[in-house]
Structure formats: structure tokens, C-alpha cells
Amino acid sequence: MPLGFVDETSIEVSSGSGGAGCVSFRREKYVPKGGPDGGDGGTGGNVIFQVKTNLKTLSHLSRKRKHHAKNGEGGKGRRMAGKKGEDLIITVPPGTLIRDDDTGDLLHDFSENKDGDSWIFLRGGKGGLGNWHFRSSRKQAPRYAQDGEPGQTVQVVLELNVIADIGFVGFPSVGKSSLLKELTNANPEVAPYPFTTKIPNLGMLRISEKEVVLADIPGIIEGASHGVGLGFEFLKHIARTEALAFMIDLGEENFLDTYDKLLIELEQYQPALLEKKRFIIGTKKDMDESGEAEQALRERFCDYPVIVVSIFTREGMDELKQLFLTMAK
């Protein structure tokens, strides 16, 4: 995965330990033998995960593997409690899944959360009681206090769950980035060479007050399911979409073979992908002046919805938008 984008990382998080209770006795000018007045220790800081919608990656967490909330301060004389430890707030992008690193169990899902929503994962240890609490008629000068409770430490895996309604699937330079740029407010890099798209670009298509999230999945190359190129990192994002749009370049000499090659890569990576809704988008319609390529495409895929478009002339774009709405339901 290229630098700057991290969609999975493992970190160790620890809540703060509680501060120790204080052993203290009241000592004033006219009270030379005052009773116990040791205060309680402060509670340790919590570990809190919080959603920030301006974050698009987990890279800020991958650089540091251990994160620790502050410990509570010890109690003081005159029954003064120690200061509570500062909470550790870990910001994550929307769509983040938090799993236990040992068991793989899902601990929390931030897929549906909004900016600022938070979840307290680990609570800090309680502060120990000062000796003031242990006075009695029989023991008027207790010389002991409680230690604070220790914090908790857990190793977790954070996984960025890219959520989209439609995922564009195709070989490099088929026109996925150009189509996303044309349909949505996304601004992916567009250039005629493989792997221009280094990360899944998301865009929002708005039609009649309805929204469809589109994902430009980085181009697949043959062998991607076996880890060739950046295969594994790219293919796993396809598994997180509701429907798949297979994009086929009508300008390619053997364009009818493209679909089968893409299908093989997806099936070898994860057979469950074949259960997703799918449809066909023929690109670069303006290069098919005779219309023979379009006719061949429609005949080959008569069992699936087929839309043929041109970014250059905008042919088929309105029809494609309506199909997106249908497939995203």
C-alpha cells in the first residue's frame, strides 16, 4: 500500500492507573495531634475512540504502536483528592472497525457513526482511598491507604472499512477515475498509465435527493488474487461494496475477454464476491464509431444490465446514473 494511506494497523492501548491514596494527618498550630486527613487518589484516564470525518486513513496511528492514557495523581493531605488522569482520545475515520488482536472478535463498528461520536473502550483504574476513610473509634490514626487500581492494556487491530454502494472493477486505465470524476465531487488523479489510482477514491452521486456512494477501486492486474502488484490491498476493498460495476474498454482488441479475466481474479481472491449484484459498463463509446463493439458487448452480456458510455461525449451518462440508483437499493 502506498505511503500516506493505511487501512489497517495494530496498536496497543492502555488506560491510566488510579493514583494511590494518601497517608496524612492533620497538623495545625492548635491541633498538634489531629486525625487522618489523607485524600483519595485520582481515577486513571480512559481510552476513548472518536470519529473524525476529515480523516480518510489510519496512517496517523501506524507511526506509533503504543498509546497510554495518563495515570491519576496521588491523593494529598487535607482530604484533597488527586487529579484525574487525562483521557486518551484516539481519532479514527468513519467506517473504522476495532477488533481484538488475539481473537479477531469485533469490538466496535464505527460504520454508521457521525463526526464527534465516541466510544469509551477502556476505563481508567479507580484511585485508592486515603487513610481518612480507615479511621475508627478503635484505630484513630491509621497509617495506611489504598493503592490505585492498575489500568488495562489491550492490543487491538483497527481496520478501515471502505463503504460504498457501487465499486468500479476493471483493469488499469479503463476509465474508472475519469468516470468517478465526471459523476461526483471526487477529484481522483487521472492519467493513462497503470496504478494511477493508488487508493480507493470515494465519490457521492446525488440524484433527486438520493445519494449513491461510488468507489473507484485501483486497477486489477492479472495475478492480483495471488498478491501480484498491489493485489491483496486492492481487492479487499471490493469486498466492501454493495454491487460491482465491471468496466470494459471497448477500444481494447480483445475486450470481450476482459470480464472473464476479472471474474477469475475475484473468484480466486474471495468466491463470495461473485454473489454481489453486478452490471457491465462499456467505456469509450466514442471510439466505437460503427457500433459493432457495443452490439457485441450487449449480446455477450444479455443476462446483465449493460450501459455503454463516453466521458468525452457524455453519451449514456444519464442512463448510467439511473442504473446506479437501482443497483444501490
Protein backbone atom coordinates (compact mmCIF):
# COMPACT_ATOMS: atom_id res chain seq x y z
CA MET A 1 0.00 0.00 0.00
CA PRO A 2 1.44 3.38 -0.92
CA LEU A 3 2.75 5.79 1.66
CA GLY A 4 0.14 8.12 3.12
CA PHE A 5 -2.70 5.60 3.06
CA VAL A 6 -3.08 2.96 5.75
CA ASP A 7 -6.30 0.97 6.01
CA GLU A 8 -5.24 -1.44 8.76
CA THR A 9 -2.94 -1.16 11.75
CA SER A 10 -2.37 -2.82 15.12
CA ILE A 11 -1.83 -0.72 18.23
CA GLU A 12 -1.54 -1.27 21.97
CA VAL A 13 -3.76 0.94 24.10
CA SER A 14 -3.66 1.34 27.88
CA SER A 15 -5.95 3.14 30.27
CA GLY A 16 -4.38 5.05 33.13
CA SER A 17 -3.80 3.57 36.57
CA GLY A 18 -5.53 5.12 39.55
CA GLY A 19 -3.46 7.26 41.88
CA ALA A 20 -2.58 5.99 45.35
CA GLY A 21 -4.48 7.19 48.38
CA CYS A 22 -2.58 9.48 50.73
CA VAL A 23 -1.46 8.80 54.31
CA SER A 24 -1.62 12.16 56.05
CA PHE A 25 -2.54 13.62 59.42
CA ARG A 26 -3.94 16.97 60.28
CA ARG A 27 -1.19 19.18 61.68
CA GLU A 28 -2.13 22.69 62.68
CA LYS A 29 -0.91 25.14 65.28
CA TYR A 30 -3.59 24.39 67.81
CA VAL A 31 -4.28 20.81 66.72
CA PRO A 32 -0.94 19.02 67.24
CA LYS A 33 -2.48 15.56 67.13
CA GLY A 34 -5.18 15.90 64.52
CA GLY A 35 -6.79 12.90 62.91
CA PRO A 36 -6.12 11.37 59.50
CA ASP A 37 -6.84 13.56 56.51
CA GLY A 38 -5.28 11.71 53.56
CA GLY A 39 -7.21 12.24 50.35
CA ASP A 40 -8.11 9.74 47.63
CA GLY A 41 -6.09 9.09 44.51
CA GLY A 42 -7.39 10.30 41.19
CA THR A 43 -9.01 7.96 38.67
CA GLY A 44 -6.86 6.97 35.69
CA GLY A 45 -7.67 8.28 32.24
CA ASN A 46 -9.98 6.38 29.88
CA VAL A 47 -9.18 5.21 26.36
CA ILE A 48 -11.75 6.73 24.01
CA PHE A 49 -12.12 6.24 20.26
CA GLN A 50 -13.70 9.18 18.44
CA VAL A 51 -14.83 9.62 14.83
CA LYS A 52 -13.42 12.47 12.77
CA THR A 53 -14.93 12.72 9.32
CA ASN A 54 -11.97 14.70 7.96
CA LEU A 55 -9.77 11.63 8.41
CA LYS A 56 -9.53 9.27 5.43
CA THR A 57 -6.76 6.94 6.61
CA LEU A 58 -5.25 5.29 9.69
CA SER A 59 -1.73 6.46 8.87
CA HIS A 60 -1.59 8.77 11.91
CA LEU A 61 -1.88 5.71 14.16
CA SER A 62 0.53 3.44 12.29
CA ARG A 63 3.54 5.58 13.21
CA LYS A 64 3.13 4.97 16.94
CA ARG A 65 2.33 1.49 18.26
CA LYS A 66 1.71 2.18 21.94
CA HIS A 67 -0.82 4.67 23.28
CA HIS A 68 -1.31 5.32 27.00
CA ALA A 69 -3.81 7.41 28.92
CA LYS A 70 -2.46 9.41 31.86
CA ASN A 71 -2.37 7.95 35.36
CA GLY A 72 -4.36 9.52 38.15
CA GLU A 73 -2.42 11.60 40.64
CA GLY A 74 -1.95 10.50 44.23
CA GLY A 75 -4.13 11.90 46.97
CA LYS A 76 -2.97 14.77 49.18
CA GLY A 77 -3.41 15.96 52.73
CA ARG A 78 -6.47 17.87 53.93
CA ARG A 79 -8.61 15.27 52.19
CA MET A 80 -7.62 16.63 48.78
CA ALA A 81 -8.21 14.12 46.02
CA GLY A 82 -5.61 13.58 43.34
CA LYS A 83 -6.27 14.91 39.86
CA LYS A 84 -7.96 12.55 37.41
CA GLY A 85 -5.70 11.24 34.67
CA GLU A 86 -6.19 12.80 31.24
CA ASP A 87 -8.20 10.62 28.85
CA LEU A 88 -6.55 9.23 25.73
CA ILE A 89 -8.70 10.19 22.73
CA ILE A 90 -7.84 8.24 19.58
CA THR A 91 -9.38 9.72 16.45
CA VAL A 92 -10.40 7.41 13.61
CA PRO A 93 -12.09 7.84 10.22
CA PRO A 94 -15.74 6.87 9.81
CA GLY A 95 -16.00 3.24 8.78
CA THR A 96 -13.35 2.02 11.21
CA LEU A 97 -13.71 -1.44 12.72
CA ILE A 98 -11.98 -2.25 16.00
CA ARG A 99 -11.05 -5.88 16.61
CA ASP A 100 -9.30 -7.80 19.36
CA ASP A 101 -5.84 -8.61 18.05
CA ASP A 102 -5.75 -12.03 19.72
CA THR A 103 -9.21 -13.36 18.90
CA GLY A 104 -10.21 -11.28 15.90
CA ASP A 105 -13.55 -10.53 17.60
CA LEU A 106 -15.27 -7.32 16.53
CA LEU A 107 -15.27 -4.93 19.48
CA HIS A 108 -16.85 -1.88 17.86
CA ASP A 109 -18.07 -0.74 14.46
CA PHE A 110 -17.90 2.94 13.55
CA SER A 111 -19.52 2.42 10.14
CA GLU A 112 -22.69 4.36 10.92
CA ASN A 113 -21.26 6.99 13.28
CA LYS A 114 -21.10 10.72 12.66
CA ASP A 115 -18.39 13.25 13.33
CA GLY A 116 -17.57 13.50 17.03
CA ASP A 117 -19.28 10.27 18.05
CA SER A 118 -17.17 8.41 20.58
CA TRP A 119 -16.87 5.12 22.41
CA ILE A 120 -15.17 4.52 25.74
CA PHE A 121 -13.11 1.38 25.20
CA LEU A 122 -11.10 1.09 28.43
CA ARG A 123 -11.85 2.82 31.70
CA GLY A 124 -9.08 4.02 33.92
CA GLY A 125 -8.33 2.36 37.26
CA LYS A 126 -10.04 3.74 40.32
CA GLY A 127 -7.99 5.82 42.70
CA GLY A 128 -7.06 4.36 46.09
CA LEU A 129 -8.76 5.58 49.25
CA GLY A 130 -6.80 7.86 51.57
CA ASN A 131 -6.27 6.99 55.23
CA TRP A 132 -9.12 9.32 56.22
CA HIS A 133 -11.52 6.54 55.18
CA PHE A 134 -9.98 4.00 57.57
CA ARG A 135 -10.35 5.90 60.82
CA SER A 136 -12.49 4.31 63.52
CA SER A 137 -13.05 4.54 67.25
CA ARG A 138 -10.54 1.77 67.77
CA LYS A 139 -7.98 2.97 65.19
CA GLN A 140 -7.91 6.73 65.24
CA ALA A 141 -4.58 7.10 63.41
CA PRO A 142 -4.48 4.59 60.52
CA ARG A 143 -1.15 4.70 58.76
CA TYR A 144 -2.17 3.03 55.54
CA ALA A 145 -4.07 3.88 52.39
CA GLN A 146 -5.09 2.01 49.28
CA ASP A 147 -3.07 1.75 46.12
CA GLY A 148 -4.83 2.77 42.96
CA GLU A 149 -6.22 0.14 40.60
CA PRO A 150 -3.99 -0.59 37.61
CA GLY A 151 -5.09 0.40 34.13
CA GLN A 152 -5.93 -2.08 31.40
CA THR A 153 -3.82 -2.84 28.33
CA VAL A 154 -5.25 -4.36 25.14
CA GLN A 155 -3.81 -4.93 21.68
CA VAL A 156 -6.35 -4.03 19.01
CA VAL A 157 -6.49 -4.06 15.23
CA LEU A 158 -8.06 -1.07 13.50
CA GLU A 159 -9.46 -1.75 10.06
CA LEU A 160 -10.80 0.93 7.76
CA ASN A 161 -13.98 -0.41 6.25
CA VAL A 162 -14.39 1.48 2.98
CA ILE A 163 -18.13 1.56 2.47
CA ALA A 164 -19.63 2.19 -0.93
CA ASP A 165 -22.77 1.28 -2.83
CA ILE A 166 -21.05 0.65 -6.16
CA GLY A 167 -17.47 -0.44 -6.71
CA PHE A 168 -15.83 0.08 -10.12
CA VAL A 169 -13.86 -3.02 -11.16
CA GLY A 170 -11.57 -3.05 -14.15
CA PHE A 171 -8.06 -3.25 -15.48
CA PRO A 172 -5.80 -0.18 -15.31
CA SER A 173 -6.68 2.79 -17.50
CA VAL A 174 -10.19 1.55 -18.34
CA GLY A 175 -11.58 4.93 -17.28
CA LYS A 176 -12.72 4.36 -13.70
CA SER A 177 -11.17 7.53 -12.29
CA SER A 178 -12.47 9.64 -15.17
CA LEU A 179 -15.99 8.30 -14.69
CA LEU A 180 -15.93 8.95 -10.95
CA LYS A 181 -14.66 12.46 -11.52
CA GLU A 182 -17.41 13.12 -14.05
CA LEU A 183 -20.24 11.79 -11.89
CA THR A 184 -19.30 13.00 -8.43
CA ASN A 185 -17.46 15.62 -6.45
CA ALA A 186 -14.40 13.38 -6.18
CA ASN A 187 -11.16 14.56 -7.75
CA PRO A 188 -9.01 11.47 -8.38
CA GLU A 189 -5.77 11.69 -10.30
CA VAL A 190 -6.31 10.76 -13.92
CA ALA A 191 -3.51 9.64 -16.24
CA PRO A 192 -3.09 6.97 -18.96
CA TYR A 193 -0.84 4.55 -17.08
CA PRO A 194 -1.40 1.65 -14.68
CA PHE A 195 -1.89 2.28 -10.96
CA THR A 196 -2.63 5.98 -11.27
CA THR A 197 -5.21 5.22 -8.58
CA LYS A 198 -3.24 4.20 -5.51
CA ILE A 199 -6.14 4.12 -3.04
CA PRO A 200 -9.91 3.62 -3.32
CA ASN A 201 -11.38 7.02 -4.19
CA LEU A 202 -14.89 7.65 -2.94
CA GLY A 203 -17.40 9.98 -4.55
CA MET A 204 -21.00 10.90 -3.82
CA LEU A 205 -23.53 10.86 -6.66
CA ARG A 206 -26.65 12.87 -5.82
CA ILE A 207 -29.81 12.32 -7.85
CA SER A 208 -33.22 13.63 -6.83
CA GLU A 209 -32.26 13.98 -3.16
CA LYS A 210 -30.86 10.46 -3.13
CA GLU A 211 -27.21 9.65 -2.62
CA VAL A 212 -25.13 6.82 -4.04
CA VAL A 213 -21.55 6.30 -2.87
CA LEU A 214 -19.24 5.24 -5.69
CA ALA A 215 -15.78 3.74 -5.18
CA ASP A 216 -13.02 3.82 -7.77
CA ILE A 217 -11.12 0.63 -6.92
CA PRO A 218 -7.47 0.66 -8.06
CA GLY A 219 -6.93 -1.26 -11.29
CA ILE A 220 -6.65 -5.01 -11.12
CA ILE A 221 -3.87 -6.78 -12.99
CA GLU A 222 -3.83 -10.47 -13.80
CA GLY A 223 -2.41 -12.32 -10.81
CA ALA A 224 -3.72 -9.77 -8.30
CA SER A 225 -5.51 -12.50 -6.36
CA HIS A 226 -2.10 -14.06 -5.72
CA GLY A 227 -0.64 -10.82 -4.48
CA VAL A 228 0.89 -9.67 -7.76
CA GLY A 229 1.48 -5.93 -7.80
CA LEU A 230 -0.67 -4.38 -5.10
CA GLY A 231 -3.28 -7.11 -5.46
CA PHE A 232 -4.36 -8.04 -1.95
CA GLU A 233 -4.59 -4.47 -0.73
CA PHE A 234 -6.77 -3.50 -3.69
CA LEU A 235 -9.04 -6.50 -3.87
CA LYS A 236 -10.12 -6.38 -0.23
CA HIS A 237 -11.80 -3.01 -0.83
CA ILE A 238 -14.01 -4.57 -3.49
CA ALA A 239 -15.40 -6.90 -0.82
CA ARG A 240 -16.87 -3.90 0.99
CA THR A 241 -19.22 -2.67 -1.72
CA GLU A 242 -22.88 -3.49 -2.32
CA ALA A 243 -22.66 -4.00 -6.08
CA LEU A 244 -19.91 -4.30 -8.67
CA ALA A 245 -19.66 -2.41 -11.94
CA PHE A 246 -17.43 -4.33 -14.35
CA MET A 247 -15.86 -1.75 -16.65
CA ILE A 248 -14.76 -2.86 -20.12
CA ASP A 249 -12.78 -0.73 -22.55
CA LEU A 250 -14.41 -1.03 -25.98
CA GLY A 251 -11.19 0.18 -27.56
CA GLU A 252 -9.28 -2.92 -26.47
CA GLU A 253 -8.72 -5.58 -29.13
CA ASN A 254 -9.99 -8.49 -27.01
CA PHE A 255 -12.40 -6.55 -24.84
CA LEU A 256 -14.87 -9.44 -24.57
CA ASP A 257 -12.26 -11.47 -22.67
CA THR A 258 -11.88 -8.77 -20.01
CA TYR A 259 -14.89 -9.80 -17.95
CA ASP A 260 -13.77 -13.43 -17.60
CA LYS A 261 -10.28 -12.37 -16.52
CA LEU A 262 -11.68 -10.02 -13.90
CA LEU A 263 -14.05 -12.70 -12.67
CA ILE A 264 -11.21 -15.19 -12.23
CA GLU A 265 -9.25 -12.73 -10.09
CA LEU A 266 -12.24 -12.00 -7.88
CA GLU A 267 -13.21 -15.66 -7.51
CA GLN A 268 -9.70 -16.75 -6.58
CA TYR A 269 -9.45 -13.98 -4.01
CA GLN A 270 -12.88 -14.43 -2.44
CA PRO A 271 -15.66 -16.56 -4.02
CA ALA A 272 -18.31 -14.65 -2.05
CA LEU A 273 -17.67 -11.67 -4.30
CA LEU A 274 -19.49 -13.47 -7.10
CA GLU A 275 -22.71 -13.27 -5.08
CA LYS A 276 -22.79 -9.49 -5.30
CA LYS A 277 -25.04 -7.68 -7.73
CA ARG A 278 -23.16 -6.83 -10.91
CA PHE A 279 -23.58 -4.96 -14.16
CA ILE A 280 -21.48 -4.03 -17.17
CA ILE A 281 -20.21 -0.61 -18.19
CA GLY A 282 -18.68 -0.32 -21.65
CA THR A 283 -16.36 2.69 -21.78
CA LYS A 284 -15.00 4.86 -24.60
CA LYS A 285 -18.15 4.61 -26.72
CA ASP A 286 -16.83 7.47 -28.87
CA MET A 287 -14.10 5.14 -30.18
CA ASP A 288 -16.72 2.65 -31.44
CA GLU A 289 -17.93 4.58 -34.47
CA SER A 290 -19.54 1.57 -36.16
CA GLY A 291 -21.32 0.41 -33.01
CA GLU A 292 -20.14 -3.16 -33.56
CA ALA A 293 -18.30 -3.31 -30.24
CA GLU A 294 -21.36 -2.13 -28.34
CA GLN A 295 -23.59 -4.68 -30.08
CA ALA A 296 -21.12 -7.47 -29.31
CA LEU A 297 -20.96 -6.39 -25.68
CA ARG A 298 -24.75 -6.39 -25.28
CA GLU A 299 -25.06 -9.80 -26.93
CA ARG A 300 -22.30 -11.25 -24.74
CA PHE A 301 -23.87 -9.96 -21.52
CA CYS A 302 -27.56 -10.24 -22.27
CA ASP A 303 -28.19 -11.55 -18.75
CA TYR A 304 -26.87 -8.40 -17.05
CA PRO A 305 -27.66 -4.70 -17.26
CA VAL A 306 -25.31 -3.13 -19.82
CA ILE A 307 -24.62 0.58 -20.18
CA VAL A 308 -22.22 1.98 -22.77
CA VAL A 309 -20.87 5.44 -22.06
CA SER A 310 -18.44 8.06 -23.28
CA ILE A 311 -16.89 10.57 -20.91
CA PHE A 312 -15.93 12.68 -23.93
CA THR A 313 -19.42 12.99 -25.48
CA ARG A 314 -21.40 12.21 -22.26
CA GLU A 315 -23.44 9.57 -24.11
CA GLY A 316 -25.12 7.11 -21.75
CA MET A 317 -24.34 9.11 -18.61
CA ASP A 318 -27.94 9.85 -17.59
CA GLU A 319 -28.92 6.23 -18.16
CA LEU A 320 -25.95 5.12 -16.04
CA LYS A 321 -26.99 7.36 -13.14
CA GLN A 322 -30.43 5.79 -13.06
CA LEU A 323 -28.89 2.33 -13.09
CA PHE A 324 -26.69 3.28 -10.11
CA LEU A 325 -29.83 4.23 -8.18
CA THR A 326 -31.45 0.89 -8.98
CA MET A 327 -28.40 -1.21 -8.13
CA ALA A 328 -27.72 0.63 -4.86
CA LYS A 329 -31.12 -0.27 -3.38
